[in-house]
Protein backbone atom coordinates (compact mmCIF):
# COMPACT_ATOMS: atom_id res chain seq x y z
CA MET A 1 0.00 0.00 0.00
CA THR A 2 1.35 3.43 -0.86
CA ALA A 3 1.28 6.33 1.52
CA LEU A 4 -1.10 9.17 0.81
CA LYS A 5 0.58 12.31 -0.40
CA THR A 6 -0.69 15.77 0.37
CA ILE A 7 -1.43 17.59 -2.86
CA ARG A 8 -1.22 20.95 -1.15
CA PRO A 9 -0.62 22.01 2.44
CA ILE A 10 -3.68 22.37 4.61
CA PRO A 11 -4.13 26.07 5.39
CA GLU A 12 -4.39 27.28 8.95
CA PHE A 13 -7.89 27.74 10.32
CA PRO A 14 -9.13 31.16 9.15
CA LEU A 15 -9.59 32.95 12.47
CA GLN A 16 -10.43 36.23 10.73
CA GLY A 17 -13.53 34.65 9.19
CA ILE A 18 -15.12 33.77 12.52
CA LEU A 19 -16.62 37.25 12.84
CA PRO A 20 -17.85 38.43 9.42
CA LYS A 21 -16.87 42.11 9.63
CA GLU A 22 -17.81 42.98 6.05
CA GLU A 23 -21.23 41.31 6.13
CA THR A 24 -22.18 42.90 9.43
CA GLU A 25 -20.74 46.24 8.30
CA ALA A 26 -18.50 46.29 11.38
CA ALA A 27 -15.47 47.10 9.19
CA ALA A 28 -17.17 50.19 7.71
CA PHE A 29 -18.29 51.29 11.17
CA LEU A 30 -14.76 50.97 12.59
CA LYS A 31 -13.35 52.83 9.60
CA LYS A 32 -15.75 55.71 10.22
CA TYR A 33 -15.32 55.58 14.03
CA PRO A 34 -11.86 54.09 14.68
CA THR A 35 -11.98 54.63 18.45
CA TYR A 36 -15.46 53.08 18.86
CA ASP A 37 -14.01 49.63 19.43
CA GLY A 38 -14.96 49.07 23.07
CA ARG A 39 -12.21 51.12 24.66
CA ASN A 40 -12.85 51.97 28.31
CA THR A 41 -15.76 49.53 28.35
CA ILE A 42 -16.03 46.65 30.80
CA ILE A 43 -18.36 43.77 30.01
CA ALA A 44 -19.16 40.90 32.38
CA ILE A 45 -19.89 37.54 30.77
CA LEU A 46 -21.43 34.70 32.75
CA ASP A 47 -21.00 31.68 30.53
CA THR A 48 -19.49 28.24 30.82
CA GLY A 49 -18.28 28.21 27.22
CA VAL A 50 -15.79 31.07 27.15
CA ASP A 51 -12.22 30.08 26.31
CA PRO A 52 -9.94 32.59 28.05
CA GLY A 53 -7.07 31.31 25.91
CA ALA A 54 -8.74 32.30 22.62
CA ALA A 55 -6.55 34.59 20.53
CA GLY A 56 -9.32 37.19 20.12
CA LEU A 57 -9.70 37.56 23.89
CA GLN A 58 -6.10 38.47 24.67
CA PHE A 59 -5.60 42.19 24.01
CA THR A 60 -7.68 45.26 23.14
CA SER A 61 -6.90 47.49 20.16
CA ASP A 62 -4.81 49.71 22.43
CA GLY A 63 -2.78 46.80 23.88
CA LYS A 64 -4.54 46.30 27.23
CA PRO A 65 -5.54 42.82 28.41
CA LYS A 66 -9.16 42.03 27.51
CA ILE A 67 -9.80 39.66 30.41
CA ILE A 68 -9.43 41.31 33.80
CA ASP A 69 -10.97 38.58 35.97
CA ILE A 70 -12.23 35.02 35.62
CA VAL A 71 -14.60 33.28 38.03
CA ASP A 72 -15.66 29.70 37.26
CA CYS A 73 -19.37 29.46 38.06
CA SER A 74 -20.09 26.21 36.27
CA GLY A 75 -20.76 24.27 39.48
CA SER A 76 -20.50 21.08 37.48
CA GLY A 77 -21.33 18.07 39.64
CA ASP A 78 -22.13 20.14 42.71
CA ILE A 79 -25.77 19.06 43.09
CA PRO A 80 -26.48 15.63 44.52
CA THR A 81 -29.20 13.95 42.48
CA THR A 82 -29.81 10.89 44.62
CA THR A 83 -33.57 11.44 45.00
CA ILE A 84 -35.46 9.46 42.36
CA VAL A 85 -39.04 10.33 41.40
CA LYS A 86 -41.51 9.04 38.85
CA ALA A 87 -43.48 11.32 36.59
CA THR A 88 -47.21 11.71 37.01
CA GLU A 89 -49.57 13.16 34.43
CA ASN A 90 -51.57 16.36 34.69
CA GLU A 91 -55.12 16.69 33.33
CA ASP A 92 -54.03 16.96 29.68
CA GLY A 93 -51.66 13.99 29.89
CA THR A 94 -48.43 16.01 30.16
CA PRO A 95 -45.84 14.22 32.31
CA VAL A 96 -44.96 16.17 35.44
CA ILE A 97 -42.35 15.70 38.14
CA THR A 98 -42.34 17.49 41.47
CA GLY A 99 -39.01 18.95 42.53
CA LEU A 100 -37.68 19.04 46.07
CA THR A 101 -38.98 22.59 46.50
CA GLY A 102 -42.49 21.44 45.58
CA ARG A 103 -42.41 23.15 42.20
CA LYS A 104 -43.76 21.23 39.23
CA LEU A 105 -41.66 20.56 36.13
CA HIS A 106 -43.72 19.82 33.05
CA LEU A 107 -41.93 17.44 30.71
CA SER A 108 -42.36 17.00 26.98
CA LYS A 109 -44.73 14.25 25.89
CA GLU A 110 -42.13 13.47 23.22
CA TRP A 111 -39.51 12.41 25.76
CA LYS A 112 -39.17 8.67 26.07
CA ASN A 113 -37.80 7.51 29.42
CA PRO A 114 -37.87 3.72 29.57
CA THR A 115 -37.62 3.58 33.37
CA GLY A 116 -39.95 6.50 34.03
CA GLU A 117 -37.57 7.57 36.80
CA TYR A 118 -35.94 10.98 37.13
CA ARG A 119 -33.12 12.00 39.45
CA ILE A 120 -33.68 15.36 41.12
CA GLY A 121 -31.68 17.57 43.43
CA ILE A 122 -31.67 20.99 45.00
CA LYS A 123 -28.99 23.51 45.80
CA ARG A 124 -29.06 27.18 46.63
CA ALA A 125 -27.44 29.15 43.81
CA TYR A 126 -25.31 30.92 46.41
CA ASP A 127 -23.74 27.55 47.33
CA LEU A 128 -22.56 27.07 43.74
CA PHE A 129 -20.54 30.28 43.69
CA PRO A 130 -16.78 30.04 44.09
CA GLU A 131 -15.62 31.35 47.47
CA GLU A 132 -14.14 34.51 45.92
CA LEU A 133 -17.45 35.42 44.26
CA ALA A 134 -19.44 34.60 47.41
CA GLU A 135 -17.21 36.99 49.36
CA ARG A 136 -17.81 39.75 46.81
CA ILE A 137 -21.56 39.25 47.06
CA LYS A 138 -21.38 39.34 50.87
CA GLN A 139 -19.54 42.67 50.67
CA VAL A 140 -22.17 44.24 48.41
CA GLY A 141 -25.22 42.44 49.77
CA ILE A 142 -27.29 40.20 47.56
CA THR A 143 -30.33 42.49 47.73
CA GLY A 144 -28.37 45.69 47.12
CA PRO A 145 -27.30 46.99 43.75
CA LEU A 146 -24.47 44.92 42.33
CA LYS A 147 -21.81 47.47 41.45
CA ALA A 148 -18.98 46.46 39.16
CA TYR A 149 -15.65 46.26 40.94
CA VAL A 150 -13.77 48.47 38.52
CA ASP A 151 -12.78 51.40 40.70
């Protein structure tokens, strides 16, 4: 058997094409307003899918770091789901399970669960926060206005 030969080198992944600047007219906007690129703007993102190592998240147009703080709030695996319940049906035949708080969760009739059993759990959102974030919230007060810590 002969080895496969590459006809041409595989180009690098086109990172510039991820955000279509021409199609969204962002390029024309930045040409008209070159300093309207987010300078002096702080944005908080609460998401489990942000890659802080992504090239586009490293530096602003004026050379400052884009990411000033990272707090992992995913809480993956933090809720014990040892309680098992079976669904009941409401008056129109929709399957329903009752959570540990007593709230009802209406399930899709399309879902097929061969055992009919569902694992449920409960956890205060505050308990999922990393210690550093919990301390920040304690300083501000959960009911008070949440002021960005940018001063």
